Structure formats: C-alpha cells, structure tokens
Amino acid sequence: GEDAPASGKAGAEAEGGEEGEAAAGLVTESEGYRLHLSSTGSTGYLGVFRREDCGRLKFVAQVSLHDGHRMRLTYLGVFPTAVKAAVAVAKAKLQSSSGGPSSAVQVGPVPTAPPRRAPL
C-alpha cells in the first residue's frame, strides 16, 4: 500500500475554510451573516467593488434591492475591507428579503394597552 496520496499539498489547501475551493481564500461568513460570493467581481463578493481613494484602497458596497415596484441599485457606503462591505450587502439583502425593518410590524391585530389618561 504505497500508493497513498502525498498529503503535503492537500492539507495546505484545506486550511482556507470549510468552503475553501468555492472561495479562494475568501471569508464566507462574518458577523453572523452568510456573505454573497461572486465569481465575476474583482473582490470576489457580490456588490463589493474596489476603489482607490487618495492612494488608499477602499471597498464600495452597493446592492440591487426590490422596492415593491422595481429593482433599485442601493448604495450602502464605503468600507475599509471587502469583508465589511460584503457584510453590509448581506445585511441589506437579508432585510429586503424579510421585508426590511418594517417587517417587525406584526400583521393582524396587535395587542396594545389602552391609552392611560392622567386623572383630572
């Protein structure tokens, strides 16, 4: 049984993360959010673009979100790292898919306490 594969190279590749091969060294989850990867973007993350600002590399995050009528490109801001920008994209996508911040409003009768009136 000397035809066992050499483990030198395989071990180094596996260190990148659980989803190492799909994401070449990219973080796939951060701050509890699953990041959206892109095989075509320069950063490897969906909606994240490199921008050099006064010699400093920054990352712009923008995402296409549906506003109920049509898709709109929403600018999310500039971030110091691609991962932080990707987290912003993941948060925005999660909020839009769950109905946004207004999804916290319950549908149906909401139990409310009767308004208190100060005794006259």
Foldseek 3Di string as FASTA:
>chain_A
DPPDDDCVPVVVQCVLDPPRPLQPNDDQDDPRFGFAADPPAPQRGPQWHWDQDPNAIKIWGWDFAQPPPGTDIGTQGIGNDRVVSRVSHRVVVVQRVCPHPCNVDDPDDDDDDPDDDDDD
